[in-house]
């Protein structure tokens, strides 16, 4: 990464992160870059033991906004790249970033191009966005704090589309959590209930067959080599739950390793608490648990 500034959270404190500030209290409030204020209801860092860092990098001479979080204990940990969705920055998924770090993972949250302080036009989770996030994955893998053989990716909404295609492109990804995503963009475009999403597809990606295919995990799922956890709200209108079932059926037909969690009475606005237990158990199984070997008895 180009540079970072470490900040250790070990209780009630106040600290400043570059262009923003976070006040650690019973409820954490953040002033992310750009001046927009956000309440982070899920985070109380009174018991946290997490080291934070602002960690921007560059891809193709364009700035990429990113935040790093890691357990404060020394040692080598599994790595996890987090990709937020539409109009969301790394700051917006701060609760997840800290939650996964507290679970024992060194995490890098990456803002997609065109959002937050990541430069470049958005391309609706297209190849340029995937390559930008992959550059962050590669940088993270080279950290001495990371076991590069145990790396995963998490993405939500169009971030899930990016995470899925990144899992196809990179053999470094050993586990993928995909939440609230679209996995057959052409089918979704025909069935979308929200006009604005269709307009974004038209402007950012286009509507030709190739544009749909390169953004649709179902057409590349045969190249997946890692297990996948699919998480989706049953009442999601932005990305219909049929997309989750479609991906699950595709992975099942291909004999891939996957789990699916459909959350009843939940829409597109899932909270980390909705799937925290399932996500951490999935990562524990595929990134943390290792076969233990013992010396034979003399």
C-alpha atoms as a PDB file:
ATOM      1  CA  UNK A   1       0.000   0.000   0.000  1.00  0.00           C
ATOM      2  CA  UNK A   2       1.189   3.523  -0.699  1.00  0.00           C
ATOM      3  CA  UNK A   3       1.151   4.469   2.951  1.00  0.00           C
ATOM      4  CA  UNK A   4      -0.871   3.931   6.064  1.00  0.00           C
ATOM      5  CA  UNK A   5      -1.339   5.419   9.443  1.00  0.00           C
ATOM      6  CA  UNK A   6      -1.870   2.945  12.263  1.00  0.00           C
ATOM      7  CA  UNK A   7      -4.419   3.547  14.989  1.00  0.00           C
ATOM      8  CA  UNK A   8      -5.066   1.095  17.793  1.00  0.00           C
ATOM      9  CA  UNK A   9      -8.555   0.938  19.344  1.00  0.00           C
ATOM     10  CA  UNK A  10      -8.509  -0.499  22.847  1.00  0.00           C
ATOM     11  CA  UNK A  11     -11.370   1.200  24.652  1.00  0.00           C
ATOM     12  CA  UNK A  12     -13.064   4.563  24.938  1.00  0.00           C
ATOM     13  CA  UNK A  13     -10.818   7.000  23.125  1.00  0.00           C
ATOM     14  CA  UNK A  14     -10.814   9.575  20.391  1.00  0.00           C
ATOM     15  CA  UNK A  15      -8.550   9.580  17.422  1.00  0.00           C
ATOM     16  CA  UNK A  16      -8.228  11.167  14.004  1.00  0.00           C
ATOM     17  CA  UNK A  17      -7.832   9.303  10.734  1.00  0.00           C
ATOM     18  CA  UNK A  18      -6.501  11.539   8.003  1.00  0.00           C
ATOM     19  CA  UNK A  19      -9.535  13.428   6.637  1.00  0.00           C
ATOM     20  CA  UNK A  20     -12.010  12.082   9.182  1.00  0.00           C
ATOM     21  CA  UNK A  21     -12.462  11.358  12.847  1.00  0.00           C
ATOM     22  CA  UNK A  22     -14.045   8.558  14.817  1.00  0.00           C
ATOM     23  CA  UNK A  23     -15.235   8.970  18.390  1.00  0.00           C
ATOM     24  CA  UNK A  24     -15.163   5.740  20.352  1.00  0.00           C
ATOM     25  CA  UNK A  25     -18.065   5.608  22.752  1.00  0.00           C
ATOM     26  CA  UNK A  26     -21.148   3.518  23.433  1.00  0.00           C
ATOM     27  CA  UNK A  27     -22.149   4.369  19.868  1.00  0.00           C
ATOM     28  CA  UNK A  28     -19.425   5.268  17.396  1.00  0.00           C
ATOM     29  CA  UNK A  29     -19.860   8.217  15.092  1.00  0.00           C
ATOM     30  CA  UNK A  30     -17.614   8.669  12.083  1.00  0.00           C
ATOM     31  CA  UNK A  31     -16.869  11.683   9.942  1.00  0.00           C
ATOM     32  CA  UNK A  32     -15.580  10.002   6.775  1.00  0.00           C
ATOM     33  CA  UNK A  33     -13.759  11.827   3.983  1.00  0.00           C
ATOM     34  CA  UNK A  34     -16.092  14.155   2.131  1.00  0.00           C
ATOM     35  CA  UNK A  35     -17.798  15.506   5.225  1.00  0.00           C
ATOM     36  CA  UNK A  36     -20.809  13.150   5.355  1.00  0.00           C
ATOM     37  CA  UNK A  37     -21.647  12.102   8.911  1.00  0.00           C
ATOM     38  CA  UNK A  38     -22.645   8.538   9.690  1.00  0.00           C
ATOM     39  CA  UNK A  39     -23.750   6.750  12.836  1.00  0.00           C
ATOM     40  CA  UNK A  40     -22.152   3.336  13.253  1.00  0.00           C
ATOM     41  CA  UNK A  41     -24.699   1.725  15.523  1.00  0.00           C
ATOM     42  CA  UNK A  42     -23.155  -1.717  15.596  1.00  0.00           C
ATOM     43  CA  UNK A  43     -19.712  -0.806  16.824  1.00  0.00           C
ATOM     44  CA  UNK A  44     -18.771  -0.285  20.440  1.00  0.00           C
ATOM     45  CA  UNK A  45     -15.026  -0.598  20.567  1.00  0.00           C
ATOM     46  CA  UNK A  46     -14.942  -0.717  24.348  1.00  0.00           C
ATOM     47  CA  UNK A  47     -13.896  -4.372  24.115  1.00  0.00           C
ATOM     48  CA  UNK A  48     -12.247  -4.183  20.726  1.00  0.00           C
ATOM     49  CA  UNK A  49      -8.598  -4.873  20.170  1.00  0.00           C
ATOM     50  CA  UNK A  50      -8.236  -3.795  16.571  1.00  0.00           C
ATOM     51  CA  UNK A  51      -5.543  -1.839  14.767  1.00  0.00           C
ATOM     52  CA  UNK A  52      -6.843   0.469  12.030  1.00  0.00           C
ATOM     53  CA  UNK A  53      -5.034   2.124   9.159  1.00  0.00           C
ATOM     54  CA  UNK A  54      -5.911   4.400   6.280  1.00  0.00           C
ATOM     55  CA  UNK A  55      -4.421   2.453   3.373  1.00  0.00           C
ATOM     56  CA  UNK A  56      -4.976   4.068  -0.048  1.00  0.00           C
ATOM     57  CA  UNK A  57      -3.211   2.664  -3.080  1.00  0.00           C
ATOM     58  CA  UNK A  58      -3.078   3.330  -6.803  1.00  0.00           C
ATOM     59  CA  UNK A  59      -4.208   1.292  -9.769  1.00  0.00           C
ATOM     60  CA  UNK A  60      -3.489   2.499 -13.296  1.00  0.00           C
ATOM     61  CA  UNK A  61      -2.470   5.909 -11.867  1.00  0.00           C
ATOM     62  CA  UNK A  62      -5.829   6.330 -10.146  1.00  0.00           C
ATOM     63  CA  UNK A  63      -6.274   6.669  -6.409  1.00  0.00           C
ATOM     64  CA  UNK A  64      -8.138   3.888  -4.630  1.00  0.00           C
ATOM     65  CA  UNK A  65      -9.648   4.487  -1.203  1.00  0.00           C
ATOM     66  CA  UNK A  66      -9.084   1.687   1.302  1.00  0.00           C
ATOM     67  CA  UNK A  67      -9.061   1.049   5.041  1.00  0.00           C
ATOM     68  CA  UNK A  68      -7.089  -1.680   6.779  1.00  0.00           C
ATOM     69  CA  UNK A  69      -8.102  -3.359  10.040  1.00  0.00           C
ATOM     70  CA  UNK A  70      -6.252  -6.128  11.826  1.00  0.00           C
ATOM     71  CA  UNK A  71      -6.211  -7.844  15.202  1.00  0.00           C
ATOM     72  CA  UNK A  72      -3.789  -6.022  17.470  1.00  0.00           C
ATOM     73  CA  UNK A  73      -2.109  -9.227  18.572  1.00  0.00           C
ATOM     74  CA  UNK A  74       1.113 -10.006  16.773  1.00  0.00           C
ATOM     75  CA  UNK A  75       1.412 -12.892  14.392  1.00  0.00           C
ATOM     76  CA  UNK A  76       0.268 -13.985  10.969  1.00  0.00           C
ATOM     77  CA  UNK A  77      -3.455 -14.000  10.169  1.00  0.00           C
ATOM     78  CA  UNK A  78      -5.767 -14.914   7.295  1.00  0.00           C
ATOM     79  CA  UNK A  79      -6.586 -12.013   4.975  1.00  0.00           C
ATOM     80  CA  UNK A  80      -9.985 -10.725   3.852  1.00  0.00           C
ATOM     81  CA  UNK A  81     -10.862  -8.118   1.211  1.00  0.00           C
ATOM     82  CA  UNK A  82     -14.234  -6.370   1.645  1.00  0.00           C
ATOM     83  CA  UNK A  83     -16.083  -4.691  -1.237  1.00  0.00           C
ATOM     84  CA  UNK A  84     -19.035  -2.381  -0.491  1.00  0.00           C
ATOM     85  CA  UNK A  85     -21.850  -1.795  -2.939  1.00  0.00           C
ATOM     86  CA  UNK A  86     -23.345   1.073  -4.930  1.00  0.00           C
ATOM     87  CA  UNK A  87     -22.508   4.564  -3.646  1.00  0.00           C
ATOM     88  CA  UNK A  88     -20.811   3.027  -0.622  1.00  0.00           C
ATOM     89  CA  UNK A  89     -17.232   3.568   0.472  1.00  0.00           C
ATOM     90  CA  UNK A  90     -14.915   1.610   2.722  1.00  0.00           C
ATOM     91  CA  UNK A  91     -16.059   3.919   5.532  1.00  0.00           C
ATOM     92  CA  UNK A  92     -19.654   2.793   5.137  1.00  0.00           C
ATOM     93  CA  UNK A  93     -18.811  -0.824   5.973  1.00  0.00           C
ATOM     94  CA  UNK A  94     -16.749   0.086   9.010  1.00  0.00           C
ATOM     95  CA  UNK A  95     -18.866  -2.181  11.284  1.00  0.00           C
ATOM     96  CA  UNK A  96     -18.084  -5.202   9.127  1.00  0.00           C
ATOM     97  CA  UNK A  97     -14.436  -4.232   8.811  1.00  0.00           C
ATOM     98  CA  UNK A  98     -13.998  -4.125  12.571  1.00  0.00           C
ATOM     99  CA  UNK A  99     -16.233  -7.150  13.143  1.00  0.00           C
ATOM    100  CA  UNK A 100     -14.189  -9.378  10.855  1.00  0.00           C
ATOM    101  CA  UNK A 101     -10.918  -8.020  12.283  1.00  0.00           C
ATOM    102  CA  UNK A 102     -12.128  -8.888  15.758  1.00  0.00           C
ATOM    103  CA  UNK A 103     -12.779 -12.379  14.388  1.00  0.00           C
ATOM    104  CA  UNK A 104      -9.060 -12.773  13.638  1.00  0.00           C
ATOM    105  CA  UNK A 105      -8.728 -11.535  10.047  1.00  0.00           C
ATOM    106  CA  UNK A 106      -6.557  -8.809   8.555  1.00  0.00           C
ATOM    107  CA  UNK A 107      -9.118  -6.922   6.474  1.00  0.00           C
ATOM    108  CA  UNK A 108      -8.842  -4.454   3.624  1.00  0.00           C
ATOM    109  CA  UNK A 109     -12.043  -2.600   2.679  1.00  0.00           C
ATOM    110  CA  UNK A 110     -11.786  -1.181  -0.851  1.00  0.00           C
ATOM    111  CA  UNK A 111     -14.047   1.508  -2.308  1.00  0.00           C
ATOM    112  CA  UNK A 112     -15.023   0.747  -5.903  1.00  0.00           C
ATOM    113  CA  UNK A 113     -13.912   3.210  -8.622  1.00  0.00           C
ATOM    114  CA  UNK A 114     -16.303   6.126  -8.964  1.00  0.00           C
ATOM    115  CA  UNK A 115     -17.457   6.105  -5.350  1.00  0.00           C
ATOM    116  CA  UNK A 116     -16.089   7.697  -2.204  1.00  0.00           C
ATOM    117  CA  UNK A 117     -12.524   8.817  -2.884  1.00  0.00           C
ATOM    118  CA  UNK A 118     -11.707   6.128  -5.441  1.00  0.00           C
ATOM    119  CA  UNK A 119     -11.030   7.731  -8.786  1.00  0.00           C
ATOM    120  CA  UNK A 120     -12.340   6.623 -12.149  1.00  0.00           C
ATOM    121  CA  UNK A 121     -15.824   6.121 -13.550  1.00  0.00           C
ATOM    122  CA  UNK A 122     -17.896   3.200 -12.234  1.00  0.00           C
ATOM    123  CA  UNK A 123     -18.492   0.309 -14.625  1.00  0.00           C
ATOM    124  CA  UNK A 124     -21.204  -1.597 -12.742  1.00  0.00           C
ATOM    125  CA  UNK A 125     -18.908  -4.204 -11.234  1.00  0.00           C
ATOM    126  CA  UNK A 126     -17.173  -4.688 -14.557  1.00  0.00           C
ATOM    127  CA  UNK A 127     -13.646  -5.848 -15.424  1.00  0.00           C
ATOM    128  CA  UNK A 128     -11.962  -2.538 -14.522  1.00  0.00           C
ATOM    129  CA  UNK A 129     -13.515  -2.546 -11.057  1.00  0.00           C
ATOM    130  CA  UNK A 130     -12.611  -6.200 -10.499  1.00  0.00           C
ATOM    131  CA  UNK A 131      -9.019  -5.502 -11.546  1.00  0.00           C
ATOM    132  CA  UNK A 132      -8.846  -2.520  -9.185  1.00  0.00           C
ATOM    133  CA  UNK A 133      -9.956  -4.627  -6.221  1.00  0.00           C
ATOM    134  CA  UNK A 134      -7.661  -7.463  -7.280  1.00  0.00           C
ATOM    135  CA  UNK A 135      -4.740  -5.048  -7.062  1.00  0.00           C
ATOM    136  CA  UNK A 136      -5.684  -4.470  -3.417  1.00  0.00           C
ATOM    137  CA  UNK A 137      -5.866  -8.214  -2.843  1.00  0.00           C
ATOM    138  CA  UNK A 138      -2.363  -8.624  -4.237  1.00  0.00           C
ATOM    139  CA  UNK A 139      -0.999  -5.818  -2.072  1.00  0.00           C
ATOM    140  CA  UNK A 140      -2.601  -7.344   1.004  1.00  0.00           C
ATOM    141  CA  UNK A 141      -1.188 -10.773   0.180  1.00  0.00           C
ATOM    142  CA  UNK A 142       2.349  -9.380   0.311  1.00  0.00           C
ATOM    143  CA  UNK A 143       1.999  -8.088   3.858  1.00  0.00           C
ATOM    144  CA  UNK A 144       4.150  -9.955   6.403  1.00  0.00           C
ATOM    145  CA  UNK A 145       1.058 -10.032   8.638  1.00  0.00           C
ATOM    146  CA  UNK A 146      -0.833 -12.171   6.119  1.00  0.00           C
ATOM    147  CA  UNK A 147      -0.800 -15.868   5.377  1.00  0.00           C
ATOM    148  CA  UNK A 148      -1.293 -15.511   1.615  1.00  0.00           C
ATOM    149  CA  UNK A 149      -2.496 -19.114   1.393  1.00  0.00           C
ATOM    150  CA  UNK A 150      -5.547 -18.183   3.501  1.00  0.00           C
ATOM    151  CA  UNK A 151      -7.275 -15.250   1.846  1.00  0.00           C
ATOM    152  CA  UNK A 152     -10.944 -14.568   1.273  1.00  0.00           C
ATOM    153  CA  UNK A 153     -13.267 -11.946  -0.159  1.00  0.00           C
ATOM    154  CA  UNK A 154     -16.575 -10.474   0.981  1.00  0.00           C
ATOM    155  CA  UNK A 155     -18.858  -8.312  -1.143  1.00  0.00           C
ATOM    156  CA  UNK A 156     -22.366  -6.916  -0.857  1.00  0.00           C
ATOM    157  CA  UNK A 157     -24.818  -5.845  -3.580  1.00  0.00           C
ATOM    158  CA  UNK A 158     -22.759  -4.908  -6.647  1.00  0.00           C
ATOM    159  CA  UNK A 159     -19.775  -5.553  -4.364  1.00  0.00           C
ATOM    160  CA  UNK A 160     -20.894  -9.202  -4.341  1.00  0.00           C
ATOM    161  CA  UNK A 161     -20.686  -9.182  -8.128  1.00  0.00           C
ATOM    162  CA  UNK A 162     -17.109  -7.892  -7.880  1.00  0.00           C
ATOM    163  CA  UNK A 163     -16.200 -10.395  -5.171  1.00  0.00           C
ATOM    164  CA  UNK A 164     -17.594 -13.293  -7.193  1.00  0.00           C
ATOM    165  CA  UNK A 165     -15.695 -12.377 -10.337  1.00  0.00           C
ATOM    166  CA  UNK A 166     -12.548 -11.778  -8.285  1.00  0.00           C
ATOM    167  CA  UNK A 167     -12.871 -15.313  -6.895  1.00  0.00           C
ATOM    168  CA  UNK A 168     -12.977 -16.555 -10.487  1.00  0.00           C
ATOM    169  CA  UNK A 169      -9.955 -14.478 -11.556  1.00  0.00           C
ATOM    170  CA  UNK A 170      -7.651 -15.030  -8.593  1.00  0.00           C
ATOM    171  CA  UNK A 171      -6.474 -18.361  -7.247  1.00  0.00           C
ATOM    172  CA  UNK A 172      -5.512 -16.521  -4.047  1.00  0.00           C
ATOM    173  CA  UNK A 173      -9.172 -16.422  -3.010  1.00  0.00           C
ATOM    174  CA  UNK A 174      -9.895 -19.472  -0.861  1.00  0.00           C
ATOM    175  CA  UNK A 175     -13.361 -18.444   0.367  1.00  0.00           C
ATOM    176  CA  UNK A 176     -15.987 -15.970  -0.882  1.00  0.00           C
ATOM    177  CA  UNK A 177     -18.998 -14.461   0.899  1.00  0.00           C
ATOM    178  CA  UNK A 178     -21.508 -12.926  -1.499  1.00  0.00           C
ATOM    179  CA  UNK A 179     -24.407 -10.917  -0.089  1.00  0.00           C
ATOM    180  CA  UNK A 180     -27.393  -9.401  -1.882  1.00  0.00           C
ATOM    181  CA  UNK A 181     -25.813  -9.737  -5.295  1.00  0.00           C
ATOM    182  CA  UNK A 182     -26.855 -10.113  -8.928  1.00  0.00           C
ATOM    183  CA  UNK A 183     -25.298 -13.117 -10.632  1.00  0.00           C
ATOM    184  CA  UNK A 184     -27.056 -13.117 -14.023  1.00  0.00           C
ATOM    185  CA  UNK A 185     -27.107  -9.470 -15.029  1.00  0.00           C
ATOM    186  CA  UNK A 186     -29.050 -10.005 -18.241  1.00  0.00           C
ATOM    187  CA  UNK A 187     -31.857 -11.809 -16.452  1.00  0.00           C
ATOM    188  CA  UNK A 188     -31.886  -9.237 -13.667  1.00  0.00           C
ATOM    189  CA  UNK A 189     -32.042  -6.381 -16.175  1.00  0.00           C
ATOM    190  CA  UNK A 190     -35.195  -7.875 -17.650  1.00  0.00           C
ATOM    191  CA  UNK A 191     -36.836  -8.372 -14.255  1.00  0.00           C
ATOM    192  CA  UNK A 192     -35.672  -5.339 -12.238  1.00  0.00           C
ATOM    193  CA  UNK A 193     -38.366  -3.546 -10.272  1.00  0.00           C
ATOM    194  CA  UNK A 194     -36.341  -0.380  -9.651  1.00  0.00           C
ATOM    195  CA  UNK A 195     -35.925   1.802 -12.729  1.00  0.00           C
ATOM    196  CA  UNK A 196     -32.792   3.561 -11.482  1.00  0.00           C
ATOM    197  CA  UNK A 197     -30.805   0.316 -11.331  1.00  0.00           C
ATOM    198  CA  UNK A 198     -31.620  -0.374 -14.972  1.00  0.00           C
ATOM    199  CA  UNK A 199     -30.480   3.127 -15.931  1.00  0.00           C
ATOM    200  CA  UNK A 200     -27.198   2.591 -14.100  1.00  0.00           C
ATOM    201  CA  UNK A 201     -26.638  -0.659 -15.992  1.00  0.00           C
ATOM    202  CA  UNK A 202     -27.280   1.083 -19.309  1.00  0.00           C
ATOM    203  CA  UNK A 203     -24.927   3.983 -18.565  1.00  0.00           C
ATOM    204  CA  UNK A 204     -22.098   2.114 -16.834  1.00  0.00           C
ATOM    205  CA  UNK A 205     -22.077  -1.259 -18.560  1.00  0.00           C
ATOM    206  CA  UNK A 206     -24.275  -1.221 -21.637  1.00  0.00           C
ATOM    207  CA  UNK A 207     -26.838  -3.874 -22.451  1.00  0.00           C
ATOM    208  CA  UNK A 208     -25.123  -6.085 -25.008  1.00  0.00           C
ATOM    209  CA  UNK A 209     -24.652  -9.788 -24.331  1.00  0.00           C
ATOM    210  CA  UNK A 210     -20.920  -9.527 -23.640  1.00  0.00           C
ATOM    211  CA  UNK A 211     -21.424  -6.732 -21.094  1.00  0.00           C
ATOM    212  CA  UNK A 212     -23.880  -8.939 -19.237  1.00  0.00           C
ATOM    213  CA  UNK A 213     -21.709 -12.063 -19.389  1.00  0.00           C
ATOM    214  CA  UNK A 214     -18.510 -10.534 -17.994  1.00  0.00           C
ATOM    215  CA  UNK A 215     -20.486  -9.312 -14.964  1.00  0.00           C
ATOM    216  CA  UNK A 216     -22.444 -12.538 -14.380  1.00  0.00           C
ATOM    217  CA  UNK A 217     -20.946 -15.152 -12.103  1.00  0.00           C
ATOM    218  CA  UNK A 218     -23.272 -17.894 -13.328  1.00  0.00           C
ATOM    219  CA  UNK A 219     -21.437 -17.889 -16.674  1.00  0.00           C
ATOM    220  CA  UNK A 220     -18.010 -18.230 -15.030  1.00  0.00           C
ATOM    221  CA  UNK A 221     -18.913 -20.423 -12.065  1.00  0.00           C
ATOM    222  CA  UNK A 222     -17.239 -23.461 -13.600  1.00  0.00           C
ATOM    223  CA  UNK A 223     -13.900 -21.685 -12.988  1.00  0.00           C
ATOM    224  CA  UNK A 224     -14.528 -21.203  -9.265  1.00  0.00           C
ATOM    225  CA  UNK A 225     -12.086 -23.103  -7.105  1.00  0.00           C
ATOM    226  CA  UNK A 226     -13.148 -21.805  -3.685  1.00  0.00           C
ATOM    227  CA  UNK A 227     -16.202 -22.392  -1.491  1.00  0.00           C
ATOM    228  CA  UNK A 228     -18.929 -19.739  -1.558  1.00  0.00           C
ATOM    229  CA  UNK A 229     -21.414 -18.513   1.036  1.00  0.00           C
ATOM    230  CA  UNK A 230     -24.476 -16.873  -0.558  1.00  0.00           C
ATOM    231  CA  UNK A 231     -26.419 -14.509   1.731  1.00  0.00           C
ATOM    232  CA  UNK A 232     -29.658 -12.849   0.630  1.00  0.00           C
ATOM    233  CA  UNK A 233     -32.752 -11.173   2.040  1.00  0.00           C
ATOM    234  CA  UNK A 234     -35.963 -12.878   1.013  1.00  0.00           C
ATOM    235  CA  UNK A 235     -37.718  -9.533   0.405  1.00  0.00           C
ATOM    236  CA  UNK A 236     -34.893  -7.909  -1.562  1.00  0.00           C
ATOM    237  CA  UNK A 237     -36.217  -5.739  -4.407  1.00  0.00           C
ATOM    238  CA  UNK A 238     -32.874  -4.325  -5.554  1.00  0.00           C
ATOM    239  CA  UNK A 239     -31.445  -7.781  -6.246  1.00  0.00           C
ATOM    240  CA  UNK A 240     -34.295 -10.320  -6.284  1.00  0.00           C
ATOM    241  CA  UNK A 241     -33.784 -13.401  -4.125  1.00  0.00           C
ATOM    242  CA  UNK A 242     -34.195 -15.453  -7.304  1.00  0.00           C
ATOM    243  CA  UNK A 243     -30.622 -14.392  -8.120  1.00  0.00           C
ATOM    244  CA  UNK A 244     -29.329 -16.154  -4.993  1.00  0.00           C
ATOM    245  CA  UNK A 245     -31.239 -19.321  -5.841  1.00  0.00           C
ATOM    246  CA  UNK A 246     -30.031 -19.118  -9.451  1.00  0.00           C
ATOM    247  CA  UNK A 247     -26.399 -18.994  -8.341  1.00  0.00           C
ATOM    248  CA  UNK A 248     -26.957 -21.778  -5.823  1.00  0.00           C
ATOM    249  CA  UNK A 249     -28.507 -24.002  -8.485  1.00  0.00           C
ATOM    250  CA  UNK A 250     -25.605 -23.283 -10.842  1.00  0.00           C
ATOM    251  CA  UNK A 251     -23.004 -24.148  -8.205  1.00  0.00           C
ATOM    252  CA  UNK A 252     -24.888 -27.296  -7.241  1.00  0.00           C
ATOM    253  CA  UNK A 253     -25.049 -28.450 -10.856  1.00  0.00           C
ATOM    254  CA  UNK A 254     -21.297 -27.884 -11.181  1.00  0.00           C
ATOM    255  CA  UNK A 255     -20.532 -29.782  -7.984  1.00  0.00           C
ATOM    256  CA  UNK A 256     -19.065 -26.696  -6.298  1.00  0.00           C
ATOM    257  CA  UNK A 257     -18.733 -26.211  -2.557  1.00  0.00           C
ATOM    258  CA  UNK A 258     -21.300 -23.661  -1.405  1.00  0.00           C
ATOM    259  CA  UNK A 259     -23.722 -22.712   1.369  1.00  0.00           C
ATOM    260  CA  UNK A 260     -26.782 -20.502   1.045  1.00  0.00           C
ATOM    261  CA  UNK A 261     -28.440 -18.405   3.732  1.00  0.00           C
ATOM    262  CA  UNK A 262     -31.805 -16.849   2.854  1.00  0.00           C
ATOM    263  CA  UNK A 263     -32.991 -14.438   5.527  1.00  0.00           C
ATOM    264  CA  UNK A 264     -36.795 -14.239   5.851  1.00  0.00           C
ATOM    265  CA  UNK A 265     -38.378 -10.809   6.354  1.00  0.00           C
ATOM    266  CA  UNK A 266     -35.144  -9.089   5.283  1.00  0.00           C
ATOM    267  CA  UNK A 267     -34.749  -6.787   2.297  1.00  0.00           C
ATOM    268  CA  UNK A 268     -31.638  -5.347   0.645  1.00  0.00           C
ATOM    269  CA  UNK A 269     -30.607  -3.502   3.793  1.00  0.00           C
ATOM    270  CA  UNK A 270     -28.995  -6.376   5.677  1.00  0.00           C
ATOM    271  CA  UNK A 271     -27.040  -5.707   8.851  1.00  0.00           C
ATOM    272  CA  UNK A 272     -23.929  -7.578   9.893  1.00  0.00           C
ATOM    273  CA  UNK A 273     -25.837  -9.027  12.846  1.00  0.00           C
ATOM    274  CA  UNK A 274     -28.169 -10.734  10.357  1.00  0.00           C
ATOM    275  CA  UNK A 275     -25.412 -13.025   9.093  1.00  0.00           C
ATOM    276  CA  UNK A 276     -22.461 -12.534  11.447  1.00  0.00           C
ATOM    277  CA  UNK A 277     -22.589 -16.033  12.937  1.00  0.00           C
ATOM    278  CA  UNK A 278     -22.876 -17.763   9.559  1.00  0.00           C
ATOM    279  CA  UNK A 279     -20.124 -15.638   7.990  1.00  0.00           C
ATOM    280  CA  UNK A 280     -17.628 -16.174  10.801  1.00  0.00           C
ATOM    281  CA  UNK A 281     -18.367 -19.910  10.909  1.00  0.00           C
ATOM    282  CA  UNK A 282     -17.837 -20.124   7.146  1.00  0.00           C
ATOM    283  CA  UNK A 283     -14.506 -18.297   7.342  1.00  0.00           C
ATOM    284  CA  UNK A 284     -13.445 -20.340  10.346  1.00  0.00           C
ATOM    285  CA  UNK A 285     -14.053 -23.511   8.377  1.00  0.00           C
ATOM    286  CA  UNK A 286     -12.306 -22.469   5.184  1.00  0.00           C
ATOM    287  CA  UNK A 287      -9.620 -19.963   6.205  1.00  0.00           C
ATOM    288  CA  UNK A 288      -8.795 -20.484   9.860  1.00  0.00           C
ATOM    289  CA  UNK A 289      -9.141 -24.179  10.627  1.00  0.00           C
ATOM    290  CA  UNK A 290      -6.064 -26.158   9.675  1.00  0.00           C
ATOM    291  CA  UNK A 291      -5.318 -29.823   9.889  1.00  0.00           C
ATOM    292  CA  UNK A 292      -3.190 -30.283  12.970  1.00  0.00           C
ATOM    293  CA  UNK A 293      -0.256 -32.668  12.842  1.00  0.00           C
ATOM    294  CA  UNK A 294       1.424 -34.107  15.878  1.00  0.00           C
ATOM    295  CA  UNK A 295       4.721 -35.815  16.457  1.00  0.00           C
ATOM    296  CA  UNK A 296       4.353 -39.599  16.904  1.00  0.00           C
ATOM    297  CA  UNK A 297       4.716 -40.972  20.387  1.00  0.00           C
ATOM    298  CA  UNK A 298       8.275 -42.224  21.066  1.00  0.00           C
END
